[in-house]
Amino acid sequence: MGWFNRFKSQTSILAVVLVWVFCAWGYLFYQHNQMTYQPMSSMWMPPSEALAWRFIDFSLVYFMWAVMMAAMMLPSAIPMILAFARVCRQQNKAAHKLAYLFALAYLSIWLLFSIVLTLLQWQMHGLAWLSPMMDNQNSISAAGILFSAGFYQFMPIKNACLTHCKTPMGFLLNEWQDGLVGAFNMGLKHGATCLGCCWTQMLIMFVVGVMNLLGMALMTLLVILEKTMPLESKLICKAVGVVFFAWGTFLLID
C-alpha cells in the first residue's frame, strides 16, 4: 500500500495547485468577459495620464498582474513542487505542509515582480504606449520589448536559469534545506531563478495586449515547453530568441 499512499499524496498536492491555477484563469476569463461585453461607460479603465492614477488604480492593476503571474507561472512549477514533495515523503516529513509552503514562496517572487509590472504599465499609459483597454498602440515600443526579450534569450544568465528549471532533482539535491524555513527558502530560490528565466517573456504581454487571453495562454505554453522539452537549454533559448527578433522586425516593417 506504500505506493498507493505516495500516489494519493502526490495527487492531492497536484489537485490543490491546479485549483489555484484554475481559480486564477477563471478570474482572468471573468475580467476578459467584463471588458468585452460591459459598456465602456460603466467599465473601470486605467487612467491615460500618469498623474491621474490613484491608489485604487494601482491596486486593481497590481491584482490583475498578480493573478496573471499565478495563472501563467504556477503550471510550469508543478514538476518542481511534486519533486520537492516526493523528497519530503522519502525523508518521512510532512510533505503536504512543506510542499504548499514551497509553492507559496515560489509564487511570492512573482507577486513581487507584479509590482514592477504595475509600475511599468503606469508609465506606459502615461507615455500613451497603451490604450485605455490596455492594448499596445506604439509599434516601436512593442518592437523594443521583443528585441530586448530576444537579446536576453542569448545571454548566459538565461541559459543558466533555464538549465536550473529543467532539472528539478538537481536543484533539490544541491539546495536542500530542512524544516519550514528551509522549504520557504528553497521556494524563494527557485522562484528567483525562474524569474531570471522568464521575466522578459512576461513583458511580451505589453506587446500582445495586457488582457489578451490567447497571448497569456501562448506565453504559458512557451514557458512550459522551454522547461520540459528534451533539448539542450542553449538550443531552446536561441530558437526562441530568433522568433522574438523576427516578430519585432515584422512589427517595424508592417
C-alpha atoms as a PDB file:
ATOM      1  CA  MET A   1       0.000   0.000   0.000  1.00  0.00           C
ATOM      2  CA  GLY A   2       3.041   2.273   0.194  1.00  0.00           C
ATOM      3  CA  TRP A   3       2.896   3.076  -3.491  1.00  0.00           C
ATOM      4  CA  PHE A   4      -0.820   3.879  -3.222  1.00  0.00           C
ATOM      5  CA  ASN A   5      -0.238   6.308  -0.344  1.00  0.00           C
ATOM      6  CA  ARG A   6       2.537   8.014  -2.310  1.00  0.00           C
ATOM      7  CA  PHE A   7       0.284   8.291  -5.347  1.00  0.00           C
ATOM      8  CA  LYS A   8      -2.568   9.637  -3.217  1.00  0.00           C
ATOM      9  CA  SER A   9      -0.290  12.232  -1.636  1.00  0.00           C
ATOM     10  CA  GLN A  10       1.098  13.383  -4.991  1.00  0.00           C
ATOM     11  CA  THR A  11      -2.402  13.556  -6.454  1.00  0.00           C
ATOM     12  CA  SER A  12      -3.765  15.647  -3.590  1.00  0.00           C
ATOM     13  CA  ILE A  13      -0.894  18.137  -3.818  1.00  0.00           C
ATOM     14  CA  LEU A  14      -1.304  18.359  -7.584  1.00  0.00           C
ATOM     15  CA  ALA A  15      -5.055  18.877  -7.164  1.00  0.00           C
ATOM     16  CA  VAL A  16      -4.568  21.795  -4.765  1.00  0.00           C
ATOM     17  CA  VAL A  17      -2.066  23.526  -7.050  1.00  0.00           C
ATOM     18  CA  LEU A  18      -4.362  23.001 -10.043  1.00  0.00           C
ATOM     19  CA  VAL A  19      -7.239  24.541  -8.090  1.00  0.00           C
ATOM     20  CA  TRP A  20      -5.079  27.641  -7.570  1.00  0.00           C
ATOM     21  CA  VAL A  21      -4.304  27.708 -11.296  1.00  0.00           C
ATOM     22  CA  PHE A  22      -7.920  27.210 -12.394  1.00  0.00           C
ATOM     23  CA  CYS A  23      -9.151  29.893  -9.991  1.00  0.00           C
ATOM     24  CA  ALA A  24      -6.602  32.330 -11.424  1.00  0.00           C
ATOM     25  CA  TRP A  25      -7.591  31.544 -15.005  1.00  0.00           C
ATOM     26  CA  GLY A  26     -11.280  31.747 -14.054  1.00  0.00           C
ATOM     27  CA  TYR A  27     -10.779  35.265 -12.740  1.00  0.00           C
ATOM     28  CA  LEU A  28      -8.940  36.268 -15.920  1.00  0.00           C
ATOM     29  CA  PHE A  29     -11.753  34.886 -18.089  1.00  0.00           C
ATOM     30  CA  TYR A  30     -14.256  36.833 -15.973  1.00  0.00           C
ATOM     31  CA  GLN A  31     -12.292  40.062 -16.364  1.00  0.00           C
ATOM     32  CA  HIS A  32     -11.921  39.499 -20.104  1.00  0.00           C
ATOM     33  CA  ASN A  33     -15.669  38.997 -20.486  1.00  0.00           C
ATOM     34  CA  GLN A  34     -16.329  42.136 -18.453  1.00  0.00           C
ATOM     35  CA  MET A  35     -14.107  44.128 -20.788  1.00  0.00           C
ATOM     36  CA  THR A  36     -15.699  42.534 -23.855  1.00  0.00           C
ATOM     37  CA  TYR A  37     -19.392  42.849 -23.022  1.00  0.00           C
ATOM     38  CA  GLN A  38     -19.690  45.593 -20.412  1.00  0.00           C
ATOM     39  CA  PRO A  39     -20.495  49.107 -21.718  1.00  0.00           C
ATOM     40  CA  MET A  40     -17.411  51.316 -21.679  1.00  0.00           C
ATOM     41  CA  SER A  41     -19.315  53.968 -19.730  1.00  0.00           C
ATOM     42  CA  SER A  42     -19.622  51.616 -16.740  1.00  0.00           C
ATOM     43  CA  MET A  43     -16.210  49.954 -17.081  1.00  0.00           C
ATOM     44  CA  TRP A  44     -13.144  50.755 -14.995  1.00  0.00           C
ATOM     45  CA  MET A  45     -10.090  51.528 -17.109  1.00  0.00           C
ATOM     46  CA  PRO A  46      -6.618  52.665 -16.084  1.00  0.00           C
ATOM     47  CA  PRO A  47      -6.245  56.468 -16.389  1.00  0.00           C
ATOM     48  CA  SER A  48      -4.432  57.603 -19.506  1.00  0.00           C
ATOM     49  CA  GLU A  49      -2.379  60.191 -17.625  1.00  0.00           C
ATOM     50  CA  ALA A  50       0.183  59.022 -15.085  1.00  0.00           C
ATOM     51  CA  LEU A  51      -0.648  61.828 -12.639  1.00  0.00           C
ATOM     52  CA  ALA A  52      -4.325  60.804 -12.657  1.00  0.00           C
ATOM     53  CA  TRP A  53      -3.647  57.377 -11.137  1.00  0.00           C
ATOM     54  CA  ARG A  54      -4.974  56.872  -7.610  1.00  0.00           C
ATOM     55  CA  PHE A  55      -4.335  54.161  -5.056  1.00  0.00           C
ATOM     56  CA  ILE A  56      -7.348  52.155  -6.278  1.00  0.00           C
ATOM     57  CA  ASP A  57      -5.964  52.180  -9.845  1.00  0.00           C
ATOM     58  CA  PHE A  58      -2.581  50.851  -8.726  1.00  0.00           C
ATOM     59  CA  SER A  59      -4.323  48.239  -6.562  1.00  0.00           C
ATOM     60  CA  LEU A  60      -6.563  46.948  -9.352  1.00  0.00           C
ATOM     61  CA  VAL A  61      -3.731  46.792 -11.881  1.00  0.00           C
ATOM     62  CA  TYR A  62      -1.460  45.063  -9.361  1.00  0.00           C
ATOM     63  CA  PHE A  63      -4.139  42.495  -8.524  1.00  0.00           C
ATOM     64  CA  MET A  64      -4.644  41.801 -12.234  1.00  0.00           C
ATOM     65  CA  TRP A  65      -0.911  41.193 -12.737  1.00  0.00           C
ATOM     66  CA  ALA A  66      -0.634  39.091  -9.577  1.00  0.00           C
ATOM     67  CA  VAL A  67      -3.411  36.792 -10.772  1.00  0.00           C
ATOM     68  CA  MET A  68      -1.840  36.627 -14.224  1.00  0.00           C
ATOM     69  CA  MET A  69       1.508  35.586 -12.764  1.00  0.00           C
ATOM     70  CA  ALA A  70      -0.162  32.835 -10.742  1.00  0.00           C
ATOM     71  CA  ALA A  71      -2.095  31.618 -13.797  1.00  0.00           C
ATOM     72  CA  MET A  72       0.904  31.696 -16.132  1.00  0.00           C
ATOM     73  CA  MET A  73       3.792  30.594 -13.898  1.00  0.00           C
ATOM     74  CA  LEU A  74       2.381  28.058 -11.431  1.00  0.00           C
ATOM     75  CA  PRO A  75       1.759  25.412 -14.142  1.00  0.00           C
ATOM     76  CA  SER A  76       5.448  25.397 -15.071  1.00  0.00           C
ATOM     77  CA  ALA A  77       6.433  24.971 -11.396  1.00  0.00           C
ATOM     78  CA  ILE A  78       4.336  21.818 -10.863  1.00  0.00           C
ATOM     79  CA  PRO A  79       7.183  19.341 -11.676  1.00  0.00           C
ATOM     80  CA  MET A  80       9.440  21.050  -9.118  1.00  0.00           C
ATOM     81  CA  ILE A  81       6.687  21.167  -6.474  1.00  0.00           C
ATOM     82  CA  LEU A  82       5.889  17.461  -6.909  1.00  0.00           C
ATOM     83  CA  ALA A  83       9.584  16.527  -6.871  1.00  0.00           C
ATOM     84  CA  PHE A  84      10.015  18.506  -3.652  1.00  0.00           C
ATOM     85  CA  ALA A  85       7.038  16.717  -2.069  1.00  0.00           C
ATOM     86  CA  ARG A  86       8.419  13.329  -3.153  1.00  0.00           C
ATOM     87  CA  VAL A  87      11.755  14.008  -1.424  1.00  0.00           C
ATOM     88  CA  CYS A  88       9.908  15.160   1.706  1.00  0.00           C
ATOM     89  CA  ARG A  89       7.994  11.873   1.837  1.00  0.00           C
ATOM     90  CA  GLN A  90      11.192   9.878   1.385  1.00  0.00           C
ATOM     91  CA  GLN A  91      12.546  11.662   4.457  1.00  0.00           C
ATOM     92  CA  ASN A  92       9.305  10.980   6.381  1.00  0.00           C
ATOM     93  CA  LYS A  93       8.461  14.668   6.613  1.00  0.00           C
ATOM     94  CA  ALA A  94       5.128  16.493   6.327  1.00  0.00           C
ATOM     95  CA  ALA A  95       5.055  16.583   2.542  1.00  0.00           C
ATOM     96  CA  HIS A  96       1.787  18.488   2.179  1.00  0.00           C
ATOM     97  CA  LYS A  97       2.638  21.333   4.537  1.00  0.00           C
ATOM     98  CA  LEU A  98       6.170  21.750   3.206  1.00  0.00           C
ATOM     99  CA  ALA A  99       5.126  21.494  -0.460  1.00  0.00           C
ATOM    100  CA  TYR A 100       2.442  24.172  -0.072  1.00  0.00           C
ATOM    101  CA  LEU A 101       4.924  26.434   1.720  1.00  0.00           C
ATOM    102  CA  PHE A 102       7.451  25.843  -1.070  1.00  0.00           C
ATOM    103  CA  ALA A 103       4.797  26.731  -3.684  1.00  0.00           C
ATOM    104  CA  LEU A 104       3.715  29.884  -1.823  1.00  0.00           C
ATOM    105  CA  ALA A 105       7.317  31.055  -1.517  1.00  0.00           C
ATOM    106  CA  TYR A 106       7.815  30.442  -5.251  1.00  0.00           C
ATOM    107  CA  LEU A 107       4.668  32.384  -6.054  1.00  0.00           C
ATOM    108  CA  SER A 108       5.657  35.266  -3.753  1.00  0.00           C
ATOM    109  CA  ILE A 109       8.577  36.063  -6.074  1.00  0.00           C
ATOM    110  CA  TRP A 110       6.160  36.555  -8.954  1.00  0.00           C
ATOM    111  CA  LEU A 111       3.821  38.581  -6.749  1.00  0.00           C
ATOM    112  CA  LEU A 112       6.734  40.926  -6.002  1.00  0.00           C
ATOM    113  CA  PHE A 113       7.544  41.108  -9.717  1.00  0.00           C
ATOM    114  CA  SER A 114       3.908  42.124 -10.278  1.00  0.00           C
ATOM    115  CA  ILE A 115       4.756  45.417  -8.541  1.00  0.00           C
ATOM    116  CA  VAL A 116       7.347  46.086 -11.252  1.00  0.00           C
ATOM    117  CA  LEU A 117       4.846  45.205 -13.975  1.00  0.00           C
ATOM    118  CA  THR A 118       2.264  47.516 -12.400  1.00  0.00           C
ATOM    119  CA  LEU A 119       4.709  50.424 -12.378  1.00  0.00           C
ATOM    120  CA  LEU A 120       5.690  49.701 -15.980  1.00  0.00           C
ATOM    121  CA  GLN A 121       2.048  49.730 -17.034  1.00  0.00           C
ATOM    122  CA  TRP A 122       1.518  53.012 -15.182  1.00  0.00           C
ATOM    123  CA  GLN A 123       4.349  54.602 -17.145  1.00  0.00           C
ATOM    124  CA  MET A 124       3.237  53.094 -20.449  1.00  0.00           C
ATOM    125  CA  HIS A 125      -0.222  54.595 -20.043  1.00  0.00           C
ATOM    126  CA  GLY A 126       1.386  57.941 -19.241  1.00  0.00           C
ATOM    127  CA  LEU A 127       3.500  57.714 -22.419  1.00  0.00           C
ATOM    128  CA  ALA A 128       0.407  56.707 -24.444  1.00  0.00           C
ATOM    129  CA  TRP A 129       2.033  53.393 -25.370  1.00  0.00           C
ATOM    130  CA  LEU A 130      -1.034  51.539 -24.043  1.00  0.00           C
ATOM    131  CA  SER A 131      -4.652  52.292 -24.848  1.00  0.00           C
ATOM    132  CA  PRO A 132      -7.316  52.581 -22.110  1.00  0.00           C
ATOM    133  CA  MET A 133      -8.190  48.942 -22.953  1.00  0.00           C
ATOM    134  CA  MET A 134      -4.543  48.049 -22.215  1.00  0.00           C
ATOM    135  CA  ASP A 135      -3.647  47.240 -25.822  1.00  0.00           C
ATOM    136  CA  ASN A 136      -0.318  48.322 -27.302  1.00  0.00           C
ATOM    137  CA  GLN A 137      -0.642  51.312 -29.598  1.00  0.00           C
ATOM    138  CA  ASN A 138       3.042  52.034 -30.246  1.00  0.00           C
ATOM    139  CA  SER A 139       4.815  49.660 -32.628  1.00  0.00           C
ATOM    140  CA  ILE A 140       8.270  50.992 -31.736  1.00  0.00           C
ATOM    141  CA  SER A 141       7.845  50.247 -28.034  1.00  0.00           C
ATOM    142  CA  ALA A 142       6.397  46.823 -28.877  1.00  0.00           C
ATOM    143  CA  ALA A 143       9.351  46.020 -31.143  1.00  0.00           C
ATOM    144  CA  GLY A 144      11.741  47.270 -28.459  1.00  0.00           C
ATOM    145  CA  ILE A 145      10.265  44.858 -25.930  1.00  0.00           C
ATOM    146  CA  LEU A 146      10.570  41.968 -28.383  1.00  0.00           C
ATOM    147  CA  PHE A 147      14.166  42.830 -29.304  1.00  0.00           C
ATOM    148  CA  SER A 148      15.046  43.060 -25.606  1.00  0.00           C
ATOM    149  CA  ALA A 149      13.405  39.704 -24.945  1.00  0.00           C
ATOM    150  CA  GLY A 150      15.199  38.200 -27.933  1.00  0.00           C
ATOM    151  CA  PHE A 151      18.570  39.548 -26.811  1.00  0.00           C
ATOM    152  CA  TYR A 152      18.031  38.168 -23.304  1.00  0.00           C
ATOM    153  CA  GLN A 153      17.475  34.700 -24.755  1.00  0.00           C
ATOM    154  CA  PHE A 154      21.125  34.673 -25.877  1.00  0.00           C
ATOM    155  CA  MET A 155      22.564  35.774 -22.533  1.00  0.00           C
ATOM    156  CA  PRO A 156      24.341  33.205 -20.297  1.00  0.00           C
ATOM    157  CA  ILE A 157      22.082  34.017 -17.340  1.00  0.00           C
ATOM    158  CA  LYS A 158      19.021  32.925 -19.326  1.00  0.00           C
ATOM    159  CA  ASN A 159      20.632  29.606 -20.191  1.00  0.00           C
ATOM    160  CA  ALA A 160      21.776  29.064 -16.594  1.00  0.00           C
ATOM    161  CA  CYS A 161      18.322  29.776 -15.168  1.00  0.00           C
ATOM    162  CA  LEU A 162      16.580  27.578 -17.729  1.00  0.00           C
ATOM    163  CA  THR A 163      19.014  24.732 -17.042  1.00  0.00           C
ATOM    164  CA  HIS A 164      18.105  25.001 -13.347  1.00  0.00           C
ATOM    165  CA  CYS A 165      14.378  24.908 -14.108  1.00  0.00           C
ATOM    166  CA  LYS A 166      14.745  21.875 -16.397  1.00  0.00           C
ATOM    167  CA  THR A 167      16.416  19.731 -13.688  1.00  0.00           C
ATOM    168  CA  PRO A 168      14.218  19.654 -10.550  1.00  0.00           C
ATOM    169  CA  MET A 169      16.124  16.838  -8.821  1.00  0.00           C
ATOM    170  CA  GLY A 170      19.448  18.556  -9.417  1.00  0.00           C
ATOM    171  CA  PHE A 171      18.154  21.694  -7.708  1.00  0.00           C
ATOM    172  CA  LEU A 172      16.765  19.703  -4.763  1.00  0.00           C
ATOM    173  CA  LEU A 173      19.989  17.767  -4.262  1.00  0.00           C
ATOM    174  CA  ASN A 174      22.168  20.880  -4.348  1.00  0.00           C
ATOM    175  CA  GLU A 175      19.919  23.316  -2.481  1.00  0.00           C
ATOM    176  CA  TRP A 176      18.108  21.144   0.073  1.00  0.00           C
ATOM    177  CA  GLN A 177      17.268  22.751   3.435  1.00  0.00           C
ATOM    178  CA  ASP A 178      15.305  21.122   6.254  1.00  0.00           C
ATOM    179  CA  GLY A 179      12.233  22.409   8.045  1.00  0.00           C
ATOM    180  CA  LEU A 180       9.620  25.061   7.341  1.00  0.00           C
ATOM    181  CA  VAL A 181      12.184  27.821   6.939  1.00  0.00           C
ATOM    182  CA  GLY A 182      14.190  25.602   4.601  1.00  0.00           C
ATOM    183  CA  ALA A 183      11.137  24.870   2.446  1.00  0.00           C
ATOM    184  CA  PHE A 184      10.334  28.574   2.230  1.00  0.00           C
ATOM    185  CA  ASN A 185      13.931  29.500   1.376  1.00  0.00           C
ATOM    186  CA  MET A 186      14.063  26.846  -1.326  1.00  0.00           C
ATOM    187  CA  GLY A 187      10.802  28.116  -2.794  1.00  0.00           C
ATOM    188  CA  LEU A 188      12.182  31.645  -2.862  1.00  0.00           C
ATOM    189  CA  LYS A 189      15.372  30.493  -4.564  1.00  0.00           C
ATOM    190  CA  HIS A 190      13.507  28.507  -7.189  1.00  0.00           C
ATOM    191  CA  GLY A 191      11.160  31.440  -7.762  1.00  0.00           C
ATOM    192  CA  ALA A 192      14.075  33.858  -8.161  1.00  0.00           C
ATOM    193  CA  THR A 193      15.768  31.560 -10.673  1.00  0.00           C
ATOM    194  CA  CYS A 194      12.501  31.079 -12.534  1.00  0.00           C
ATOM    195  CA  LEU A 195      12.089  34.858 -12.628  1.00  0.00           C
ATOM    196  CA  GLY A 196      15.572  35.110 -14.107  1.00  0.00           C
ATOM    197  CA  CYS A 197      14.491  32.646 -16.777  1.00  0.00           C
ATOM    198  CA  CYS A 198      11.114  34.099 -17.759  1.00  0.00           C
ATOM    199  CA  TRP A 199      10.782  37.773 -16.783  1.00  0.00           C
ATOM    200  CA  THR A 200      11.250  39.148 -20.306  1.00  0.00           C
ATOM    201  CA  GLN A 201       8.593  36.788 -21.631  1.00  0.00           C
ATOM    202  CA  MET A 202       6.102  38.309 -19.203  1.00  0.00           C
ATOM    203  CA  LEU A 203       6.861  41.747 -20.667  1.00  0.00           C
ATOM    204  CA  ILE A 204       5.552  40.491 -24.004  1.00  0.00           C
ATOM    205  CA  MET A 205       2.048  40.842 -22.578  1.00  0.00           C
ATOM    206  CA  PHE A 206       2.565  44.583 -23.129  1.00  0.00           C
ATOM    207  CA  VAL A 207       3.010  43.750 -26.822  1.00  0.00           C
ATOM    208  CA  VAL A 208       0.005  41.473 -27.378  1.00  0.00           C
ATOM    209  CA  GLY A 209      -2.335  43.316 -25.002  1.00  0.00           C
ATOM    210  CA  VAL A 210      -2.275  43.034 -21.226  1.00  0.00           C
ATOM    211  CA  MET A 211      -5.644  41.234 -21.039  1.00  0.00           C
ATOM    212  CA  ASN A 212      -5.191  39.153 -24.200  1.00  0.00           C
ATOM    213  CA  LEU A 213      -6.204  35.648 -23.088  1.00  0.00           C
ATOM    214  CA  LEU A 214      -4.719  33.967 -26.156  1.00  0.00           C
ATOM    215  CA  GLY A 215      -1.452  35.795 -25.525  1.00  0.00           C
ATOM    216  CA  MET A 216      -1.460  34.612 -21.908  1.00  0.00           C
ATOM    217  CA  ALA A 217      -2.101  31.037 -22.979  1.00  0.00           C
ATOM    218  CA  LEU A 218       0.670  31.096 -25.596  1.00  0.00           C
ATOM    219  CA  MET A 219       3.199  32.619 -23.184  1.00  0.00           C
ATOM    220  CA  THR A 220       2.240  29.998 -20.584  1.00  0.00           C
ATOM    221  CA  LEU A 221       2.716  27.254 -23.172  1.00  0.00           C
ATOM    222  CA  LEU A 222       6.074  28.714 -24.212  1.00  0.00           C
ATOM    223  CA  VAL A 223       7.329  28.732 -20.617  1.00  0.00           C
ATOM    224  CA  ILE A 224       6.189  25.129 -20.096  1.00  0.00           C
ATOM    225  CA  LEU A 225       7.764  23.957 -23.354  1.00  0.00           C
ATOM    226  CA  GLU A 226      11.060  25.675 -22.569  1.00  0.00           C
ATOM    227  CA  LYS A 227      11.237  23.875 -19.226  1.00  0.00           C
ATOM    228  CA  THR A 228      10.082  20.439 -20.397  1.00  0.00           C
ATOM    229  CA  MET A 229      11.330  19.933 -23.964  1.00  0.00           C
ATOM    230  CA  PRO A 230      14.094  17.275 -24.063  1.00  0.00           C
ATOM    231  CA  LEU A 231      16.508  19.606 -25.843  1.00  0.00           C
ATOM    232  CA  GLU A 232      19.641  21.399 -24.707  1.00  0.00           C
ATOM    233  CA  SER A 233      18.862  24.676 -22.936  1.00  0.00           C
ATOM    234  CA  LYS A 234      21.106  26.736 -25.220  1.00  0.00           C
ATOM    235  CA  LEU A 235      19.306  25.497 -28.328  1.00  0.00           C
ATOM    236  CA  ILE A 236      15.879  26.304 -26.893  1.00  0.00           C
ATOM    237  CA  CYS A 237      16.974  29.762 -25.759  1.00  0.00           C
ATOM    238  CA  LYS A 238      18.438  30.694 -29.125  1.00  0.00           C
ATOM    239  CA  ALA A 239      15.465  29.348 -31.097  1.00  0.00           C
ATOM    240  CA  VAL A 240      13.008  31.401 -29.041  1.00  0.00           C
ATOM    241  CA  GLY A 241      15.294  34.428 -29.301  1.00  0.00           C
ATOM    242  CA  VAL A 242      15.262  34.232 -33.112  1.00  0.00           C
ATOM    243  CA  VAL A 243      11.452  34.127 -33.046  1.00  0.00           C
ATOM    244  CA  PHE A 244      11.322  37.263 -30.877  1.00  0.00           C
ATOM    245  CA  PHE A 245      13.759  39.094 -33.174  1.00  0.00           C
ATOM    246  CA  ALA A 246      11.718  38.134 -36.245  1.00  0.00           C
ATOM    247  CA  TRP A 247       8.478  39.215 -34.567  1.00  0.00           C
ATOM    248  CA  GLY A 248       9.922  42.586 -33.583  1.00  0.00           C
ATOM    249  CA  THR A 249      11.243  43.162 -37.109  1.00  0.00           C
ATOM    250  CA  PHE A 250       7.842  42.353 -38.572  1.00  0.00           C
ATOM    251  CA  LEU A 251       6.179  44.951 -36.330  1.00  0.00           C
ATOM    252  CA  LEU A 252       8.605  47.605 -37.519  1.00  0.00           C
ATOM    253  CA  ILE A 253       8.191  46.946 -41.231  1.00  0.00           C
ATOM    254  CA  ASP A 254       4.462  46.141 -41.177  1.00  0.00           C
END
